[in-house]
């Protein structure tokens, strides 16, 4: 029997199999699953990929930019995916998820569909030392940041974004 939500240690989990069976929108399957590989990548994206190769790994074309756009990252707003590149080699160092069409899945759990409070407990089980603030939490051990601005006042609301990052991503801003 296919269950969309089940409990494990009191935490609600959404089956990745159930997510993969959701209907298709705009060519990309809603709920497409991209497994998180801590500090290696997510889905078809491997950290350290050059821009051209990373772009080809994401379905469709990235959003167009104009000459005034200072953002050097590539975004697919319809899919809710953004590839973040860092100098000096212009390689992909992080992937930001903000939509429902492509789901970052860690240990068979979609991090964008789980209620924020449950997602926090799920991530805390993976890293008891995760860094928590008023806008979300960062799991340095797994290379994942979850943004859920209202997680304390609306614990049943899911996260607004998930950032999966390469080792050294945060420290690279201070070098």
Protein backbone atom coordinates (compact mmCIF):
# COMPACT_ATOMS: atom_id res chain seq x y z
CA UNK A 1 0.00 0.00 0.00
CA UNK A 2 1.36 3.42 -1.01
CA UNK A 3 1.17 5.87 1.87
CA UNK A 4 1.96 9.49 1.26
CA UNK A 5 2.70 10.27 4.90
CA UNK A 6 3.86 7.93 7.63
CA UNK A 7 5.43 8.28 11.06
CA UNK A 8 8.92 7.27 12.12
CA UNK A 9 9.90 7.99 15.72
CA UNK A 10 7.00 10.41 15.98
CA UNK A 11 8.12 12.42 12.92
CA UNK A 12 5.85 12.65 9.88
CA UNK A 13 7.63 11.48 6.74
CA UNK A 14 6.51 11.81 3.13
CA UNK A 15 7.31 8.85 0.93
CA UNK A 16 9.70 9.71 -1.91
CA UNK A 17 7.85 7.07 -3.96
CA UNK A 18 4.58 8.92 -3.38
CA UNK A 19 6.22 12.21 -4.42
CA UNK A 20 7.50 10.67 -7.65
CA UNK A 21 3.92 9.72 -8.62
CA UNK A 22 2.59 13.28 -8.58
CA UNK A 23 1.31 14.80 -11.85
CA UNK A 24 3.55 16.54 -14.38
CA UNK A 25 3.53 20.33 -14.93
CA UNK A 26 5.49 22.22 -17.56
CA UNK A 27 7.57 19.20 -18.62
CA UNK A 28 9.13 18.58 -15.20
CA UNK A 29 7.31 16.14 -12.97
CA UNK A 30 5.86 17.84 -9.92
CA UNK A 31 7.55 16.32 -6.94
CA UNK A 32 10.59 15.06 -8.87
CA UNK A 33 13.01 13.74 -6.31
CA UNK A 34 16.64 14.90 -6.15
CA UNK A 35 18.47 12.91 -3.44
CA UNK A 36 20.86 14.91 -1.24
CA UNK A 37 24.38 13.50 -1.11
CA UNK A 38 25.98 15.48 1.75
CA UNK A 39 28.85 17.67 0.50
CA UNK A 40 28.82 15.87 -2.88
CA UNK A 41 25.73 17.27 -4.57
CA UNK A 42 22.02 16.85 -5.04
CA UNK A 43 20.21 14.98 -7.80
CA UNK A 44 22.18 15.27 -11.04
CA UNK A 45 24.24 18.21 -9.75
CA UNK A 46 27.69 17.46 -8.35
CA UNK A 47 29.46 20.24 -6.49
CA UNK A 48 32.44 21.48 -8.45
CA UNK A 49 30.64 21.16 -11.81
CA UNK A 50 31.39 23.90 -14.30
CA UNK A 51 28.47 26.18 -15.18
CA UNK A 52 27.86 24.69 -18.63
CA UNK A 53 27.67 21.10 -17.41
CA UNK A 54 25.52 22.04 -14.38
CA UNK A 55 23.05 23.91 -16.61
CA UNK A 56 22.62 20.83 -18.81
CA UNK A 57 21.76 18.72 -15.73
CA UNK A 58 18.66 20.80 -14.94
CA UNK A 59 15.60 20.35 -17.22
CA UNK A 60 14.67 23.33 -19.36
CA UNK A 61 16.48 26.61 -19.80
CA UNK A 62 17.49 28.97 -16.98
CA UNK A 63 15.66 32.29 -16.61
CA UNK A 64 16.86 35.01 -18.95
CA UNK A 65 18.97 37.83 -17.56
CA UNK A 66 19.30 41.38 -18.76
CA UNK A 67 22.44 43.52 -18.91
CA UNK A 68 21.64 45.06 -15.51
CA UNK A 69 21.38 41.74 -13.66
CA UNK A 70 24.31 41.40 -11.25
CA UNK A 71 23.29 37.92 -10.07
CA UNK A 72 25.77 35.42 -11.53
CA UNK A 73 23.74 32.36 -10.48
CA UNK A 74 21.39 30.40 -12.73
CA UNK A 75 17.74 30.16 -11.74
CA UNK A 76 14.82 28.12 -13.02
CA UNK A 77 12.00 30.00 -11.27
CA UNK A 78 9.32 27.71 -12.74
CA UNK A 79 11.07 24.70 -11.16
CA UNK A 80 12.08 26.49 -7.94
CA UNK A 81 15.79 25.70 -8.42
CA UNK A 82 18.81 28.00 -8.32
CA UNK A 83 22.42 26.94 -8.94
CA UNK A 84 24.95 29.03 -7.02
CA UNK A 85 28.44 29.43 -8.46
CA UNK A 86 31.50 30.78 -6.70
CA UNK A 87 34.76 32.13 -8.07
CA UNK A 88 37.55 31.69 -8.88
CA UNK A 89 36.67 28.65 -11.00
CA UNK A 90 32.97 29.50 -11.51
CA UNK A 91 31.86 26.09 -10.23
CA UNK A 92 28.55 25.09 -8.65
CA UNK A 93 28.92 25.21 -4.87
CA UNK A 94 25.27 25.14 -3.75
CA UNK A 95 21.72 24.50 -4.95
CA UNK A 96 18.73 26.42 -3.58
CA UNK A 97 15.24 24.88 -3.74
CA UNK A 98 12.17 27.10 -3.36
CA UNK A 99 9.42 25.29 -5.23
CA UNK A 100 7.43 22.13 -5.30
CA UNK A 101 8.37 20.75 -8.72
CA UNK A 102 11.78 19.44 -7.66
CA UNK A 103 12.16 18.16 -4.11
CA UNK A 104 15.47 17.85 -2.27
CA UNK A 105 15.19 14.51 -0.46
CA UNK A 106 17.47 13.61 2.43
CA UNK A 107 17.25 10.10 3.89
CA UNK A 108 14.02 9.51 1.94
CA UNK A 109 12.42 12.68 3.35
CA UNK A 110 11.34 15.63 1.24
CA UNK A 111 12.61 18.65 3.15
CA UNK A 112 10.17 21.08 1.50
CA UNK A 113 6.96 19.21 2.32
CA UNK A 114 7.48 18.25 5.94
CA UNK A 115 6.01 20.60 8.58
CA UNK A 116 8.79 22.88 9.85
CA UNK A 117 8.79 21.54 13.42
CA UNK A 118 9.02 17.94 12.15
CA UNK A 119 11.76 18.91 9.67
CA UNK A 120 13.74 20.46 12.53
CA UNK A 121 13.47 17.30 14.62
CA UNK A 122 14.35 15.17 11.59
CA UNK A 123 17.48 17.26 10.91
CA UNK A 124 18.38 17.39 14.61
CA UNK A 125 18.46 13.57 14.62
CA UNK A 126 21.07 13.77 11.83
CA UNK A 127 23.06 16.49 13.62
CA UNK A 128 22.37 17.30 17.28
CA UNK A 129 24.74 20.29 16.93
CA UNK A 130 22.86 22.02 14.12
CA UNK A 131 22.75 25.80 14.26
CA UNK A 132 19.24 27.16 14.88
CA UNK A 133 18.11 30.78 14.51
CA UNK A 134 14.80 32.60 14.14
CA UNK A 135 14.66 32.01 10.37
CA UNK A 136 15.63 28.32 10.23
CA UNK A 137 18.61 26.06 10.81
CA UNK A 138 21.86 24.88 9.27
CA UNK A 139 23.19 21.36 9.50
CA UNK A 140 26.93 21.73 8.86
CA UNK A 141 27.44 17.99 9.26
CA UNK A 142 25.18 17.29 6.24
CA UNK A 143 25.58 20.51 4.22
CA UNK A 144 21.93 21.59 4.43
CA UNK A 145 20.27 24.88 5.42
CA UNK A 146 16.49 24.99 5.89
CA UNK A 147 14.73 28.36 5.87
CA UNK A 148 11.40 28.41 7.66
CA UNK A 149 10.86 31.98 8.91
CA UNK A 150 7.75 31.15 10.93
CA UNK A 151 8.80 27.75 12.30
CA UNK A 152 8.26 28.85 15.91
CA UNK A 153 4.82 30.44 15.45
CA UNK A 154 3.53 28.18 12.65
CA UNK A 155 5.23 24.82 13.24
CA UNK A 156 2.96 22.97 10.79
CA UNK A 157 3.90 25.23 7.88
CA UNK A 158 6.64 23.70 5.66
CA UNK A 159 9.99 25.33 4.96
CA UNK A 160 10.15 28.09 2.35
CA UNK A 161 13.54 27.00 1.01
CA UNK A 162 16.30 24.43 1.31
CA UNK A 163 19.94 25.11 0.46
CA UNK A 164 22.23 22.14 -0.16
CA UNK A 165 25.87 23.22 -0.15
CA UNK A 166 29.42 22.02 -0.73
CA UNK A 167 32.02 21.76 1.98
CA UNK A 168 33.55 25.18 2.65
CA UNK A 169 30.58 27.06 1.13
CA UNK A 170 30.00 29.28 4.16
CA UNK A 171 33.67 29.76 5.00
CA UNK A 172 34.43 30.82 1.39
CA UNK A 173 32.71 34.16 2.09
CA UNK A 174 35.28 34.99 4.76
CA UNK A 175 38.45 34.11 2.84
